[in-house]
Amino acid sequence: MKKIAVGVIGTGFVGPAHIEAVNRSGLAEVKALAASSEQKAEEKASELGIDRAYGTYADLIQDPDIEVVHNCTPNNLHFPINKAILAAGKHVISEKPLALDSREAKLLIGATQRANVVHAVVYNYRHYPMVAHLRSMVQSGELGTIYAI
């Protein structure tokens, strides 16, 4: 079975975590990464054993071999980068939040529908047993009224 070719944008803490998860899946392989500079991208790609390094996310998005792009950048960059990925007709896996406001989110949903691709947002704790247990405690009222988290 052919593995899905993945590109990862962002090389901070979250980017390498995505790279490890993708490579462990057996279904996909990280082929490229992008960082805030060419030098940073090349250093991280070498460290993580990734073939291609790009100094801009736009260059990674234009790589014809990349089928899906993981957006692991700071929150304020999710909207413009996800929009560019969708405009290129590629699938997106984005760190949360999807966008900074409902207007941006609606624009991304429309772009996803027009591109006819998958646009997923990562919620990595949702199915952890401790989180599920906490959710049931909140729903049952065991913890009282929750005002902030």
Protein backbone atom coordinates (compact mmCIF):
# COMPACT_ATOMS: atom_id res chain seq x y z
CA MET A 1 0.00 0.00 0.00
CA LYS A 2 1.28 3.45 -0.95
CA LYS A 3 1.88 5.71 2.04
CA ILE A 4 0.32 9.18 2.12
CA ALA A 5 2.94 11.91 1.61
CA VAL A 6 2.81 14.45 4.42
CA GLY A 7 4.30 17.89 4.88
CA VAL A 8 4.56 19.52 8.31
CA ILE A 9 4.64 23.28 8.83
CA GLY A 10 6.13 24.29 12.17
CA THR A 11 9.12 22.83 13.94
CA GLY A 12 8.51 23.86 17.55
CA PHE A 13 7.26 21.40 20.17
CA VAL A 14 4.11 20.33 18.32
CA GLY A 15 5.60 19.81 14.85
CA PRO A 16 7.99 17.02 15.87
CA ALA A 17 5.16 15.37 17.85
CA HIS A 18 3.08 15.28 14.66
CA ILE A 19 6.04 13.93 12.71
CA GLU A 20 6.51 11.08 15.16
CA ALA A 21 2.80 10.25 15.17
CA VAL A 22 2.57 10.27 11.37
CA ASN A 23 5.59 8.04 10.97
CA ARG A 24 4.35 5.60 13.64
CA SER A 25 0.97 5.27 11.93
CA GLY A 26 2.34 3.14 9.11
CA LEU A 27 -0.17 4.83 6.79
CA ALA A 28 1.73 7.98 5.99
CA GLU A 29 5.25 9.33 5.84
CA VAL A 30 6.54 12.84 6.45
CA LYS A 31 8.34 13.86 3.27
CA ALA A 32 8.88 17.57 3.94
CA LEU A 33 8.82 20.21 6.62
CA ALA A 34 8.79 23.98 6.69
CA ALA A 35 10.11 26.31 9.33
CA SER A 36 10.48 30.05 9.75
CA SER A 37 13.81 30.02 7.88
CA GLU A 38 15.68 27.80 5.45
CA GLN A 39 18.46 27.20 7.98
CA LYS A 40 16.05 26.20 10.75
CA ALA A 41 14.17 23.90 8.37
CA GLU A 42 17.34 22.21 7.15
CA GLU A 43 18.62 21.66 10.69
CA LYS A 44 15.33 20.15 11.88
CA ALA A 45 14.91 18.02 8.75
CA SER A 46 18.40 16.62 9.21
CA GLU A 47 17.75 15.94 12.90
CA LEU A 48 14.45 14.16 12.17
CA GLY A 49 15.49 12.33 9.00
CA ILE A 50 13.19 14.19 6.62
CA ASP A 51 14.16 14.53 2.96
CA ARG A 52 12.94 18.03 2.12
CA ALA A 53 13.19 21.29 4.04
CA TYR A 54 11.52 24.56 3.14
CA GLY A 55 12.11 28.01 4.58
CA THR A 56 8.52 29.07 3.88
CA TYR A 57 5.19 27.33 4.20
CA ALA A 58 4.27 28.49 0.70
CA ASP A 59 7.14 26.49 -0.78
CA LEU A 60 6.07 23.35 1.07
CA ILE A 61 2.47 23.76 -0.06
CA GLN A 62 3.60 23.96 -3.68
CA ASP A 63 5.51 20.65 -3.46
CA PRO A 64 3.54 18.43 -5.89
CA ASP A 65 4.31 15.24 -3.95
CA ILE A 66 2.73 16.42 -0.71
CA GLU A 67 -0.88 15.24 -0.32
CA VAL A 68 -1.71 16.42 3.20
CA VAL A 69 -0.24 19.23 5.27
CA HIS A 70 -0.10 19.40 9.06
CA ASN A 71 -0.27 22.99 10.31
CA CYS A 72 1.65 23.10 13.61
CA THR A 73 2.16 26.85 13.80
CA PRO A 74 1.08 29.39 16.43
CA ASN A 75 -2.68 30.07 16.64
CA ASN A 76 -2.55 33.42 14.83
CA LEU A 77 -1.11 31.71 11.74
CA HIS A 78 -3.70 28.93 11.44
CA PHE A 79 -6.15 30.87 9.28
CA PRO A 80 -3.80 32.24 6.59
CA ILE A 81 -1.80 29.02 6.33
CA ASN A 82 -4.85 26.73 6.29
CA LYS A 83 -6.45 28.99 3.67
CA ALA A 84 -3.33 28.69 1.48
CA ILE A 85 -3.22 24.90 1.89
CA LEU A 86 -6.87 24.62 0.89
CA ALA A 87 -6.34 26.93 -2.09
CA ALA A 88 -3.65 24.49 -3.27
CA GLY A 89 -6.19 21.66 -3.07
CA LYS A 90 -4.41 19.75 -0.32
CA HIS A 91 -5.82 18.05 2.76
CA VAL A 92 -5.19 19.83 6.08
CA ILE A 93 -4.64 18.61 9.60
CA SER A 94 -4.47 21.68 11.79
CA GLU A 95 -3.65 22.19 15.40
CA LYS A 96 -6.44 23.80 17.38
CA PRO A 97 -8.00 26.28 17.19
CA LEU A 98 -9.35 26.16 13.65
CA ALA A 99 -9.30 29.96 13.52
CA LEU A 100 -9.35 32.96 15.83
CA ASP A 101 -13.01 33.85 15.26
CA SER A 102 -16.21 32.56 13.66
CA ARG A 103 -15.74 34.65 10.50
CA GLU A 104 -12.40 33.01 9.77
CA ALA A 105 -13.81 29.58 10.62
CA LYS A 106 -16.70 30.03 8.17
CA LEU A 107 -14.29 31.10 5.43
CA LEU A 108 -12.18 27.99 6.02
CA ILE A 109 -15.24 25.74 5.97
CA GLY A 110 -16.28 27.25 2.64
CA ALA A 111 -12.77 26.83 1.23
CA THR A 112 -12.72 23.20 2.39
CA GLN A 113 -16.02 22.48 0.64
CA ARG A 114 -14.87 24.15 -2.59
CA ALA A 115 -11.58 22.23 -2.58
CA ASN A 116 -13.38 18.96 -1.76
CA VAL A 117 -10.65 17.91 0.69
CA VAL A 118 -10.45 16.90 4.33
CA HIS A 119 -9.75 19.63 6.89
CA ALA A 120 -9.36 18.16 10.37
CA VAL A 121 -8.58 19.92 13.63
CA VAL A 122 -6.54 18.01 16.22
CA TYR A 123 -8.08 17.55 19.66
CA ASN A 124 -5.50 15.17 21.04
CA TYR A 125 -6.87 14.83 24.57
CA ARG A 126 -10.52 14.16 23.74
CA HIS A 127 -10.34 10.38 24.14
CA TYR A 128 -7.84 10.11 26.98
CA PRO A 129 -9.40 8.04 29.80
CA MET A 130 -8.73 10.74 32.40
CA VAL A 131 -10.40 13.39 30.23
CA ALA A 132 -13.43 11.13 29.63
CA HIS A 133 -13.66 10.53 33.38
CA LEU A 134 -13.45 14.25 34.12
CA ARG A 135 -16.15 14.93 31.53
CA SER A 136 -18.49 12.47 33.23
CA MET A 137 -17.77 14.09 36.60
CA VAL A 138 -18.61 17.54 35.19
CA GLN A 139 -21.78 16.27 33.49
CA SER A 140 -23.00 14.51 36.64
CA GLY A 141 -22.51 17.65 38.71
CA GLU A 142 -20.03 15.91 41.00
CA LEU A 143 -17.69 18.90 40.79
CA GLY A 144 -20.34 21.57 41.20
CA THR A 145 -20.61 24.55 38.88
CA ILE A 146 -17.55 25.02 36.68
CA TYR A 147 -16.75 28.70 36.06
CA ALA A 148 -13.43 28.55 34.24
CA ILE A 149 -10.77 26.14 33.10
